């Protein structure tokens, strides 16, 4: 037990500086990539109309921070979460602030 504790203490005291992941490259005027890999991608969008197509077997999490609208006819409002699969048509009110997260290391 003492040997294990000693190894754990050495690991905890390894003073290696934190190295952040590089900032994602700019996307476009109507979307911002907040995180890109290694486990997921997080995008931020303004309100308006858009179509997103997720690859087969990939689920996305659509989280509106502000505003309201509909995804394929299913209404949503700020604070809710809608899971997306396949091709989805999103309509969001002007002034909406929207997040979309999906697994992967590269943006769609």
PDB file of N, CA and C in Angstrom:
ATOM      1  N   UNK A   1       0.829  -1.200   0.000  1.00  0.00           N
ATOM      2  CA  UNK A   1       0.000   0.000   0.000  1.00  0.00           C
ATOM      3  C   UNK A   1       0.869   1.258   0.000  1.00  0.00           C
ATOM      4  N   UNK A   2       1.938   1.233   0.759  1.00  0.00           N
ATOM      5  CA  UNK A   2       2.811   2.400   0.839  1.00  0.00           C
ATOM      6  C   UNK A   2       3.464   2.698  -0.513  1.00  0.00           C
ATOM      7  N   UNK A   3       3.847   1.641  -1.245  1.00  0.00           N
ATOM      8  CA  UNK A   3       4.470   1.840  -2.554  1.00  0.00           C
ATOM      9  C   UNK A   3       3.493   2.487  -3.541  1.00  0.00           C
ATOM     10  N   UNK A   4       2.246   2.017  -3.538  1.00  0.00           N
ATOM     11  CA  UNK A   4       1.229   2.598  -4.414  1.00  0.00           C
ATOM     12  C   UNK A   4       1.009   4.066  -4.072  1.00  0.00           C
ATOM     13  N   UNK A   5       0.898   4.349  -2.793  1.00  0.00           N
ATOM     14  CA  UNK A   5       0.691   5.739  -2.362  1.00  0.00           C
ATOM     15  C   UNK A   5       1.863   6.614  -2.803  1.00  0.00           C
ATOM     16  N   UNK A   6       3.053   6.099  -2.664  1.00  0.00           N
ATOM     17  CA  UNK A   6       4.242   6.853  -3.045  1.00  0.00           C
ATOM     18  C   UNK A   6       4.239   7.163  -4.549  1.00  0.00           C
ATOM     19  N   UNK A   7       3.844   6.164  -5.380  1.00  0.00           N
ATOM     20  CA  UNK A   7       3.784   6.398  -6.826  1.00  0.00           C
ATOM     21  C   UNK A   7       2.723   7.439  -7.176  1.00  0.00           C
ATOM     22  N   UNK A   8       1.573   7.354  -6.508  1.00  0.00           N
ATOM     23  CA  UNK A   8       0.507   8.323  -6.762  1.00  0.00           C
ATOM     24  C   UNK A   8       0.926   9.731  -6.360  1.00  0.00           C
ATOM     25  N   UNK A   9       1.623   9.847  -5.245  1.00  0.00           N
ATOM     26  CA  UNK A   9       2.086  11.165  -4.801  1.00  0.00           C
ATOM     27  C   UNK A   9       3.080  11.748  -5.798  1.00  0.00           C
ATOM     28  N   UNK A  10       3.966  10.911  -6.333  1.00  0.00           N
ATOM     29  CA  UNK A  10       4.935  11.411  -7.323  1.00  0.00           C
ATOM     30  C   UNK A  10       4.216  11.911  -8.571  1.00  0.00           C
ATOM     31  N   UNK A  11       3.199  11.160  -8.996  1.00  0.00           N
ATOM     32  CA  UNK A  11       2.431  11.585 -10.171  1.00  0.00           C
ATOM     33  C   UNK A  11       1.734  12.911  -9.923  1.00  0.00           C
ATOM     34  N   UNK A  12       1.150  13.063  -8.748  1.00  0.00           N
ATOM     35  CA  UNK A  12       0.399  14.275  -8.426  1.00  0.00           C
ATOM     36  C   UNK A  12       1.308  15.486  -8.334  1.00  0.00           C
ATOM     37  N   UNK A  13       2.584  15.264  -8.022  1.00  0.00           N
ATOM     38  CA  UNK A  13       3.490  16.400  -7.870  1.00  0.00           C
ATOM     39  C   UNK A  13       4.327  16.664  -9.117  1.00  0.00           C
ATOM     40  N   UNK A  14       4.101  15.906 -10.188  1.00  0.00           N
ATOM     41  CA  UNK A  14       4.789  16.195 -11.446  1.00  0.00           C
ATOM     42  C   UNK A  14       4.350  17.573 -11.919  1.00  0.00           C
ATOM     43  N   UNK A  15       5.247  18.517 -11.875  1.00  0.00           N
ATOM     44  CA  UNK A  15       4.862  19.882 -12.254  1.00  0.00           C
ATOM     45  C   UNK A  15       5.087  20.096 -13.749  1.00  0.00           C
ATOM     46  N   UNK A  16       4.124  19.626 -14.513  1.00  0.00           N
ATOM     47  CA  UNK A  16       4.153  19.796 -15.961  1.00  0.00           C
ATOM     48  C   UNK A  16       3.118  20.855 -16.308  1.00  0.00           C
ATOM     49  N   UNK A  17       3.504  21.888 -17.034  1.00  0.00           N
ATOM     50  CA  UNK A  17       2.533  22.946 -17.354  1.00  0.00           C
ATOM     51  C   UNK A  17       1.385  22.424 -18.217  1.00  0.00           C
ATOM     52  N   UNK A  18       0.222  22.996 -17.998  1.00  0.00           N
ATOM     53  CA  UNK A  18      -0.956  22.665 -18.794  1.00  0.00           C
ATOM     54  C   UNK A  18      -0.760  23.202 -20.206  1.00  0.00           C
ATOM     55  N   UNK A  19      -1.004  22.362 -21.185  1.00  0.00           N
ATOM     56  CA  UNK A  19      -0.895  22.775 -22.584  1.00  0.00           C
ATOM     57  C   UNK A  19      -2.293  22.732 -23.185  1.00  0.00           C
ATOM     58  N   UNK A  20      -2.900  23.896 -23.434  1.00  0.00           N
ATOM     59  CA  UNK A  20      -4.255  23.904 -23.998  1.00  0.00           C
ATOM     60  C   UNK A  20      -4.249  23.453 -25.454  1.00  0.00           C
ATOM     61  N   UNK A  21      -5.401  22.944 -25.894  1.00  0.00           N
ATOM     62  CA  UNK A  21      -5.555  22.597 -27.302  1.00  0.00           C
ATOM     63  C   UNK A  21      -5.533  23.878 -28.130  1.00  0.00           C
ATOM     64  N   UNK A  22      -5.068  23.809 -29.362  1.00  0.00           N
ATOM     65  CA  UNK A  22      -5.072  25.013 -30.199  1.00  0.00           C
ATOM     66  C   UNK A  22      -6.501  25.489 -30.466  1.00  0.00           C
ATOM     67  N   UNK A  23      -6.648  26.788 -30.646  1.00  0.00           N
ATOM     68  CA  UNK A  23      -7.965  27.350 -30.962  1.00  0.00           C
ATOM     69  C   UNK A  23      -8.390  26.888 -32.347  1.00  0.00           C
ATOM     70  N   UNK A  24      -9.679  26.571 -32.511  1.00  0.00           N
ATOM     71  CA  UNK A  24     -10.160  26.150 -33.831  1.00  0.00           C
ATOM     72  C   UNK A  24     -10.040  27.278 -34.852  1.00  0.00           C
ATOM     73  N   UNK A  25      -9.859  26.905 -36.096  1.00  0.00           N
ATOM     74  CA  UNK A  25      -9.802  27.888 -37.183  1.00  0.00           C
ATOM     75  C   UNK A  25     -11.180  28.505 -37.377  1.00  0.00           C
ATOM     76  N   UNK A  26     -11.246  29.739 -37.868  1.00  0.00           N
ATOM     77  CA  UNK A  26     -12.546  30.375 -38.114  1.00  0.00           C
ATOM     78  C   UNK A  26     -13.403  29.533 -39.056  1.00  0.00           C
ATOM     79  N   UNK A  27     -14.720  29.628 -38.883  1.00  0.00           N
ATOM     80  CA  UNK A  27     -15.646  28.847 -39.713  1.00  0.00           C
ATOM     81  C   UNK A  27     -16.241  29.730 -40.800  1.00  0.00           C
ATOM     82  N   UNK A  28     -17.235  30.532 -40.447  1.00  0.00           N
ATOM     83  CA  UNK A  28     -17.896  31.420 -41.404  1.00  0.00           C
ATOM     84  C   UNK A  28     -18.633  32.499 -40.631  1.00  0.00           C
ATOM     85  N   UNK A  29     -19.294  33.392 -41.352  1.00  0.00           N
ATOM     86  CA  UNK A  29     -20.012  34.482 -40.698  1.00  0.00           C
ATOM     87  C   UNK A  29     -21.196  34.002 -39.874  1.00  0.00           C
ATOM     88  N   UNK A  30     -21.758  32.843 -40.232  1.00  0.00           N
ATOM     89  CA  UNK A  30     -22.969  32.409 -39.536  1.00  0.00           C
ATOM     90  C   UNK A  30     -22.742  31.243 -38.576  1.00  0.00           C
ATOM     91  N   UNK A  31     -21.488  30.922 -38.274  1.00  0.00           N
ATOM     92  CA  UNK A  31     -21.215  29.918 -37.243  1.00  0.00           C
ATOM     93  C   UNK A  31     -19.813  30.118 -36.693  1.00  0.00           C
ATOM     94  N   UNK A  32     -19.661  29.802 -35.413  1.00  0.00           N
ATOM     95  CA  UNK A  32     -18.378  29.893 -34.734  1.00  0.00           C
ATOM     96  C   UNK A  32     -18.061  28.522 -34.162  1.00  0.00           C
ATOM     97  N   UNK A  33     -16.865  28.038 -34.382  1.00  0.00           N
ATOM     98  CA  UNK A  33     -16.441  26.765 -33.810  1.00  0.00           C
ATOM     99  C   UNK A  33     -15.803  27.085 -32.458  1.00  0.00           C
ATOM    100  N   UNK A  34     -16.440  26.624 -31.377  1.00  0.00           N
ATOM    101  CA  UNK A  34     -15.927  26.885 -30.031  1.00  0.00           C
ATOM    102  C   UNK A  34     -14.919  25.828 -29.597  1.00  0.00           C
ATOM    103  N   UNK A  35     -15.119  24.593 -30.032  1.00  0.00           N
ATOM    104  CA  UNK A  35     -14.195  23.494 -29.715  1.00  0.00           C
ATOM    105  C   UNK A  35     -14.206  22.527 -30.895  1.00  0.00           C
ATOM    106  N   UNK A  36     -13.021  22.015 -31.216  1.00  0.00           N
ATOM    107  CA  UNK A  36     -12.919  21.071 -32.332  1.00  0.00           C
ATOM    108  C   UNK A  36     -11.943  19.963 -31.951  1.00  0.00           C
ATOM    109  N   UNK A  37     -12.489  18.883 -31.383  1.00  0.00           N
ATOM    110  CA  UNK A  37     -11.712  17.710 -31.021  1.00  0.00           C
ATOM    111  C   UNK A  37     -11.010  17.860 -29.687  1.00  0.00           C
ATOM    112  N   UNK A  38     -10.470  16.792 -29.190  1.00  0.00           N
ATOM    113  CA  UNK A  38     -10.361  15.504 -29.853  1.00  0.00           C
ATOM    114  C   UNK A  38     -11.603  14.608 -29.698  1.00  0.00           C
ATOM    115  N   UNK A  39     -12.509  14.939 -28.788  1.00  0.00           N
ATOM    116  CA  UNK A  39     -13.665  14.067 -28.541  1.00  0.00           C
ATOM    117  C   UNK A  39     -14.962  14.573 -29.165  1.00  0.00           C
ATOM    118  N   UNK A  40     -15.109  15.885 -29.286  1.00  0.00           N
ATOM    119  CA  UNK A  40     -16.357  16.444 -29.810  1.00  0.00           C
ATOM    120  C   UNK A  40     -16.100  17.793 -30.458  1.00  0.00           C
ATOM    121  N   UNK A  41     -17.110  18.260 -31.198  1.00  0.00           N
ATOM    122  CA  UNK A  41     -17.086  19.591 -31.808  1.00  0.00           C
ATOM    123  C   UNK A  41     -18.251  20.367 -31.213  1.00  0.00           C
ATOM    124  N   UNK A  42     -18.017  21.638 -30.901  1.00  0.00           N
ATOM    125  CA  UNK A  42     -19.061  22.509 -30.368  1.00  0.00           C
ATOM    126  C   UNK A  42     -19.132  23.751 -31.244  1.00  0.00           C
ATOM    127  N   UNK A  43     -20.323  23.976 -31.836  1.00  0.00           N
ATOM    128  CA  UNK A  43     -20.544  25.130 -32.710  1.00  0.00           C
ATOM    129  C   UNK A  43     -21.543  26.083 -32.069  1.00  0.00           C
ATOM    130  N   UNK A  44     -21.415  27.367 -32.413  1.00  0.00           N
ATOM    131  CA  UNK A  44     -22.360  28.395 -31.954  1.00  0.00           C
ATOM    132  C   UNK A  44     -22.920  29.093 -33.183  1.00  0.00           C
ATOM    133  N   UNK A  45     -24.246  29.230 -33.198  1.00  0.00           N
ATOM    134  CA  UNK A  45     -24.923  29.825 -34.354  1.00  0.00           C
ATOM    135  C   UNK A  45     -25.837  30.951 -33.917  1.00  0.00           C
ATOM    136  N   UNK A  46     -26.059  31.927 -34.795  1.00  0.00           N
ATOM    137  CA  UNK A  46     -27.110  32.926 -34.560  1.00  0.00           C
ATOM    138  C   UNK A  46     -28.451  32.368 -35.044  1.00  0.00           C
ATOM    139  N   UNK A  47     -29.519  33.134 -34.835  1.00  0.00           N
ATOM    140  CA  UNK A  47     -30.840  32.731 -35.309  1.00  0.00           C
ATOM    141  C   UNK A  47     -30.915  32.715 -36.823  1.00  0.00           C
ATOM    142  N   UNK A  48     -32.028  32.205 -37.329  1.00  0.00           N
ATOM    143  CA  UNK A  48     -32.229  32.129 -38.773  1.00  0.00           C
ATOM    144  C   UNK A  48     -32.589  30.717 -39.191  1.00  0.00           C
ATOM    145  N   UNK A  49     -32.506  30.488 -40.485  1.00  0.00           N
ATOM    146  CA  UNK A  49     -32.841  29.174 -41.043  1.00  0.00           C
ATOM    147  C   UNK A  49     -31.561  28.473 -41.475  1.00  0.00           C
ATOM    148  N   UNK A  50     -31.475  27.184 -41.200  1.00  0.00           N
ATOM    149  CA  UNK A  50     -30.331  26.400 -41.669  1.00  0.00           C
ATOM    150  C   UNK A  50     -30.702  24.930 -41.734  1.00  0.00           C
ATOM    151  N   UNK A  51     -29.963  24.206 -42.529  1.00  0.00           N
ATOM    152  CA  UNK A  51     -30.117  22.756 -42.634  1.00  0.00           C
ATOM    153  C   UNK A  51     -28.780  22.145 -42.230  1.00  0.00           C
ATOM    154  N   UNK A  52     -28.829  21.186 -41.340  1.00  0.00           N
ATOM    155  CA  UNK A  52     -27.621  20.478 -40.918  1.00  0.00           C
ATOM    156  C   UNK A  52     -27.831  18.991 -41.201  1.00  0.00           C
ATOM    157  N   UNK A  53     -26.789  18.345 -41.693  1.00  0.00           N
ATOM    158  CA  UNK A  53     -26.859  16.908 -41.957  1.00  0.00           C
ATOM    159  C   UNK A  53     -25.748  16.217 -41.184  1.00  0.00           C
ATOM    160  N   UNK A  54     -26.157  15.397 -40.228  1.00  0.00           N
ATOM    161  CA  UNK A  54     -25.198  14.629 -39.438  1.00  0.00           C
ATOM    162  C   UNK A  54     -24.975  13.282 -40.123  1.00  0.00           C
ATOM    163  N   UNK A  55     -23.747  12.779 -40.100  1.00  0.00           N
ATOM    164  CA  UNK A  55     -23.477  11.477 -40.715  1.00  0.00           C
ATOM    165  C   UNK A  55     -24.300  10.369 -40.041  1.00  0.00           C
ATOM    166  N   UNK A  56     -24.546   9.306 -40.776  1.00  0.00           N
ATOM    167  CA  UNK A  56     -25.311   8.185 -40.231  1.00  0.00           C
ATOM    168  C   UNK A  56     -24.649   7.660 -38.956  1.00  0.00           C
ATOM    169  N   UNK A  57     -25.463   7.438 -37.942  1.00  0.00           N
ATOM    170  CA  UNK A  57     -24.969   6.914 -36.670  1.00  0.00           C
ATOM    171  C   UNK A  57     -24.420   7.970 -35.730  1.00  0.00           C
ATOM    172  N   UNK A  58     -24.427   9.236 -36.149  1.00  0.00           N
ATOM    173  CA  UNK A  58     -23.923  10.328 -35.309  1.00  0.00           C
ATOM    174  C   UNK A  58     -25.103  11.130 -34.785  1.00  0.00           C
ATOM    175  N   UNK A  59     -25.143  11.329 -33.462  1.00  0.00           N
ATOM    176  CA  UNK A  59     -26.201  12.125 -32.840  1.00  0.00           C
ATOM    177  C   UNK A  59     -25.630  13.476 -32.426  1.00  0.00           C
ATOM    178  N   UNK A  60     -26.388  14.530 -32.674  1.00  0.00           N
ATOM    179  CA  UNK A  60     -25.998  15.869 -32.254  1.00  0.00           C
ATOM    180  C   UNK A  60     -26.905  16.357 -31.141  1.00  0.00           C
ATOM    181  N   UNK A  61     -26.378  17.246 -30.311  1.00  0.00           N
ATOM    182  CA  UNK A  61     -27.153  17.850 -29.221  1.00  0.00           C
ATOM    183  C   UNK A  61     -27.307  19.333 -29.530  1.00  0.00           C
ATOM    184  N   UNK A  62     -28.521  19.734 -29.783  1.00  0.00           N
ATOM    185  CA  UNK A  62     -28.868  21.111 -30.131  1.00  0.00           C
ATOM    186  C   UNK A  62     -29.384  21.777 -28.864  1.00  0.00           C
ATOM    187  N   UNK A  63     -28.686  22.826 -28.408  1.00  0.00           N
ATOM    188  CA  UNK A  63     -29.041  23.492 -27.156  1.00  0.00           C
ATOM    189  C   UNK A  63     -29.205  24.987 -27.416  1.00  0.00           C
ATOM    190  N   UNK A  64     -30.443  25.478 -27.461  1.00  0.00           N
ATOM    191  CA  UNK A  64     -30.660  26.913 -27.632  1.00  0.00           C
ATOM    192  C   UNK A  64     -30.422  27.651 -26.311  1.00  0.00           C
ATOM    193  N   UNK A  65     -29.546  28.645 -26.343  1.00  0.00           N
ATOM    194  CA  UNK A  65     -29.252  29.459 -25.164  1.00  0.00           C
ATOM    195  C   UNK A  65     -30.264  30.599 -25.062  1.00  0.00           C
ATOM    196  N   UNK A  66     -30.660  31.137 -26.197  1.00  0.00           N
ATOM    197  CA  UNK A  66     -31.664  32.213 -26.244  1.00  0.00           C
ATOM    198  C   UNK A  66     -32.501  32.017 -27.501  1.00  0.00           C
ATOM    199  N   UNK A  67     -33.766  32.411 -27.414  1.00  0.00           N
ATOM    200  CA  UNK A  67     -34.637  32.351 -28.581  1.00  0.00           C
ATOM    201  C   UNK A  67     -35.580  31.164 -28.558  1.00  0.00           C
ATOM    202  N   UNK A  68     -36.234  30.985 -29.708  1.00  0.00           N
ATOM    203  CA  UNK A  68     -37.183  29.885 -29.870  1.00  0.00           C
ATOM    204  C   UNK A  68     -37.286  29.551 -31.343  1.00  0.00           C
ATOM    205  N   UNK A  69     -37.857  28.402 -31.640  1.00  0.00           N
ATOM    206  CA  UNK A  69     -37.994  27.995 -33.034  1.00  0.00           C
ATOM    207  C   UNK A  69     -38.460  26.566 -33.137  1.00  0.00           C
ATOM    208  N   UNK A  70     -38.043  25.905 -34.224  1.00  0.00           N
ATOM    209  CA  UNK A  70     -38.453  24.522 -34.461  1.00  0.00           C
ATOM    210  C   UNK A  70     -37.358  23.779 -35.221  1.00  0.00           C
ATOM    211  N   UNK A  71     -37.271  22.492 -34.949  1.00  0.00           N
ATOM    212  CA  UNK A  71     -36.411  21.578 -35.699  1.00  0.00           C
ATOM    213  C   UNK A  71     -37.333  20.551 -36.332  1.00  0.00           C
ATOM    214  N   UNK A  72     -37.393  20.531 -37.652  1.00  0.00           N
ATOM    215  CA  UNK A  72     -38.272  19.605 -38.371  1.00  0.00           C
ATOM    216  C   UNK A  72     -39.695  19.622 -37.815  1.00  0.00           C
ATOM    217  N   UNK A  73     -40.179  20.818 -37.487  1.00  0.00           N
ATOM    218  CA  UNK A  73     -41.550  20.964 -37.000  1.00  0.00           C
ATOM    219  C   UNK A  73     -41.721  20.771 -35.503  1.00  0.00           C
ATOM    220  N   UNK A  74     -40.681  20.338 -34.793  1.00  0.00           N
ATOM    221  CA  UNK A  74     -40.748  20.169 -33.336  1.00  0.00           C
ATOM    222  C   UNK A  74     -40.303  21.476 -32.692  1.00  0.00           C
ATOM    223  N   UNK A  75     -41.211  22.113 -31.959  1.00  0.00           N
ATOM    224  CA  UNK A  75     -40.900  23.409 -31.351  1.00  0.00           C
ATOM    225  C   UNK A  75     -39.938  23.262 -30.173  1.00  0.00           C
ATOM    226  N   UNK A  76     -39.100  24.287 -30.004  1.00  0.00           N
ATOM    227  CA  UNK A  76     -38.176  24.344 -28.882  1.00  0.00           C
ATOM    228  C   UNK A  76     -38.083  25.782 -28.396  1.00  0.00           C
ATOM    229  N   UNK A  77     -37.548  25.956 -27.190  1.00  0.00           N
ATOM    230  CA  UNK A  77     -37.269  27.291 -26.649  1.00  0.00           C
ATOM    231  C   UNK A  77     -35.968  27.224 -25.855  1.00  0.00           C
ATOM    232  N   UNK A  78     -35.437  28.388 -25.534  1.00  0.00           N
ATOM    233  CA  UNK A  78     -34.166  28.476 -24.815  1.00  0.00           C
ATOM    234  C   UNK A  78     -34.190  27.607 -23.564  1.00  0.00           C
ATOM    235  N   UNK A  79     -33.075  26.935 -23.315  1.00  0.00           N
ATOM    236  CA  UNK A  79     -32.931  26.100 -22.133  1.00  0.00           C
ATOM    237  C   UNK A  79     -33.267  24.640 -22.359  1.00  0.00           C
ATOM    238  N   UNK A  80     -33.863  24.324 -23.489  1.00  0.00           N
ATOM    239  CA  UNK A  80     -34.188  22.933 -23.789  1.00  0.00           C
ATOM    240  C   UNK A  80     -33.054  22.309 -24.608  1.00  0.00           C
ATOM    241  N   UNK A  81     -33.096  20.999 -24.747  1.00  0.00           N
ATOM    242  CA  UNK A  81     -32.112  20.282 -25.557  1.00  0.00           C
ATOM    243  C   UNK A  81     -32.860  19.372 -26.517  1.00  0.00           C
ATOM    244  N   UNK A  82     -32.454  19.404 -27.772  1.00  0.00           N
ATOM    245  CA  UNK A  82     -33.070  18.557 -28.790  1.00  0.00           C
ATOM    246  C   UNK A  82     -31.959  17.708 -29.399  1.00  0.00           C
ATOM    247  N   UNK A  83     -32.150  16.391 -29.436  1.00  0.00           N
ATOM    248  CA  UNK A  83     -31.157  15.545 -30.094  1.00  0.00           C
ATOM    249  C   UNK A  83     -31.480  15.472 -31.585  1.00  0.00           C
ATOM    250  N   UNK A  84     -30.436  15.517 -32.387  1.00  0.00           N
ATOM    251  CA  UNK A  84     -30.589  15.532 -33.844  1.00  0.00           C
ATOM    252  C   UNK A  84     -29.909  14.315 -34.458  1.00  0.00           C
ATOM    253  N   UNK A  85     -30.515  13.806 -35.524  1.00  0.00           N
ATOM    254  CA  UNK A  85     -29.915  12.730 -36.312  1.00  0.00           C
ATOM    255  C   UNK A  85     -30.245  12.963 -37.780  1.00  0.00           C
ATOM    256  N   UNK A  86     -29.311  12.632 -38.659  1.00  0.00           N
ATOM    257  CA  UNK A  86     -29.561  12.762 -40.093  1.00  0.00           C
ATOM    258  C   UNK A  86     -29.700  14.204 -40.545  1.00  0.00           C
ATOM    259  N   UNK A  87     -30.595  14.431 -41.515  1.00  0.00           N
ATOM    260  CA  UNK A  87     -30.822  15.775 -42.057  1.00  0.00           C
ATOM    261  C   UNK A  87     -31.895  16.468 -41.228  1.00  0.00           C
ATOM    262  N   UNK A  88     -31.585  17.669 -40.739  1.00  0.00           N
ATOM    263  CA  UNK A  88     -32.523  18.424 -39.904  1.00  0.00           C
ATOM    264  C   UNK A  88     -32.633  19.854 -40.408  1.00  0.00           C
ATOM    265  N   UNK A  89     -33.857  20.348 -40.477  1.00  0.00           N
ATOM    266  CA  UNK A  89     -34.114  21.729 -40.866  1.00  0.00           C
ATOM    267  C   UNK A  89     -34.423  22.509 -39.593  1.00  0.00           C
ATOM    268  N   UNK A  90     -33.624  23.548 -39.354  1.00  0.00           N
ATOM    269  CA  UNK A  90     -33.733  24.323 -38.117  1.00  0.00           C
ATOM    270  C   UNK A  90     -34.181  25.733 -38.448  1.00  0.00           C
ATOM    271  N   UNK A  91     -35.191  26.189 -37.745  1.00  0.00           N
ATOM    272  CA  UNK A  91     -35.700  27.561 -37.862  1.00  0.00           C
ATOM    273  C   UNK A  91     -35.592  28.183 -36.477  1.00  0.00           C
ATOM    274  N   UNK A  92     -34.906  29.333 -36.376  1.00  0.00           N
ATOM    275  CA  UNK A  92     -34.707  29.995 -35.088  1.00  0.00           C
ATOM    276  C   UNK A  92     -35.038  31.475 -35.202  1.00  0.00           C
ATOM    277  N   UNK A  93     -35.664  32.006 -34.157  1.00  0.00           N
ATOM    278  CA  UNK A  93     -36.050  33.415 -34.153  1.00  0.00           C
ATOM    279  C   UNK A  93     -34.820  34.321 -34.213  1.00  0.00           C
ATOM    280  N   UNK A  94     -35.025  35.531 -34.723  1.00  0.00           N
ATOM    281  CA  UNK A  94     -33.963  36.532 -34.769  1.00  0.00           C
ATOM    282  C   UNK A  94     -33.494  36.785 -33.336  1.00  0.00           C
ATOM    283  N   UNK A  95     -32.200  36.882 -33.135  1.00  0.00           N
ATOM    284  CA  UNK A  95     -31.650  37.111 -31.804  1.00  0.00           C
ATOM    285  C   UNK A  95     -31.364  35.830 -31.038  1.00  0.00           C
ATOM    286  N   UNK A  96     -31.645  34.687 -31.657  1.00  0.00           N
ATOM    287  CA  UNK A  96     -31.363  33.409 -30.995  1.00  0.00           C
ATOM    288  C   UNK A  96     -29.857  33.194 -30.867  1.00  0.00           C
ATOM    289  N   UNK A  97     -29.481  32.446 -29.842  1.00  0.00           N
ATOM    290  CA  UNK A  97     -28.098  32.046 -29.604  1.00  0.00           C
ATOM    291  C   UNK A  97     -28.138  30.532 -29.437  1.00  0.00           C
ATOM    292  N   UNK A  98     -27.509  29.797 -30.350  1.00  0.00           N
ATOM    293  CA  UNK A  98     -27.695  28.352 -30.437  1.00  0.00           C
ATOM    294  C   UNK A  98     -26.364  27.614 -30.363  1.00  0.00           C
ATOM    295  N   UNK A  99     -26.375  26.459 -29.713  1.00  0.00           N
ATOM    296  CA  UNK A  99     -25.200  25.599 -29.654  1.00  0.00           C
ATOM    297  C   UNK A  99     -25.534  24.248 -30.277  1.00  0.00           C
ATOM    298  N   UNK A 100     -24.571  23.676 -30.973  1.00  0.00           N
ATOM    299  CA  UNK A 100     -24.697  22.319 -31.486  1.00  0.00           C
ATOM    300  C   UNK A 100     -23.409  21.583 -31.152  1.00  0.00           C
ATOM    301  N   UNK A 101     -23.546  20.450 -30.470  1.00  0.00           N
ATOM    302  CA  UNK A 101     -22.400  19.601 -30.143  1.00  0.00           C
ATOM    303  C   UNK A 101     -22.595  18.245 -30.805  1.00  0.00           C
ATOM    304  N   UNK A 102     -21.506  17.679 -31.285  1.00  0.00           N
ATOM    305  CA  UNK A 102     -21.561  16.345 -31.875  1.00  0.00           C
ATOM    306  C   UNK A 102     -20.190  15.691 -31.709  1.00  0.00           C
ATOM    307  N   UNK A 103     -20.159  14.351 -31.631  1.00  0.00           N
ATOM    308  CA  UNK A 103     -18.885  13.669 -31.426  1.00  0.00           C
ATOM    309  C   UNK A 103     -17.994  13.762 -32.662  1.00  0.00           C
ATOM    310  N   UNK A 104     -16.707  13.733 -32.423  1.00  0.00           N
ATOM    311  CA  UNK A 104     -15.753  13.752 -33.523  1.00  0.00           C
ATOM    312  C   UNK A 104     -14.626  14.726 -33.261  1.00  0.00           C
ATOM    313  N   UNK A 105     -13.666  14.720 -34.150  1.00  0.00           N
ATOM    314  CA  UNK A 105     -12.530  15.627 -33.987  1.00  0.00           C
ATOM    315  C   UNK A 105     -12.449  16.683 -35.082  1.00  0.00           C
ATOM    316  N   UNK A 106     -13.405  16.652 -36.016  1.00  0.00           N
ATOM    317  CA  UNK A 106     -13.443  17.652 -37.096  1.00  0.00           C
ATOM    318  C   UNK A 106     -14.870  18.128 -37.315  1.00  0.00           C
ATOM    319  N   UNK A 107     -15.003  19.401 -37.645  1.00  0.00           N
ATOM    320  CA  UNK A 107     -16.325  19.974 -37.922  1.00  0.00           C
ATOM    321  C   UNK A 107     -16.944  19.356 -39.163  1.00  0.00           C
ATOM    322  N   UNK A 108     -18.270  19.432 -39.226  1.00  0.00           N
ATOM    323  CA  UNK A 108     -18.989  18.919 -40.394  1.00  0.00           C
ATOM    324  C   UNK A 108     -18.870  19.901 -41.541  1.00  0.00           C
TER     325      UNK A 108
END
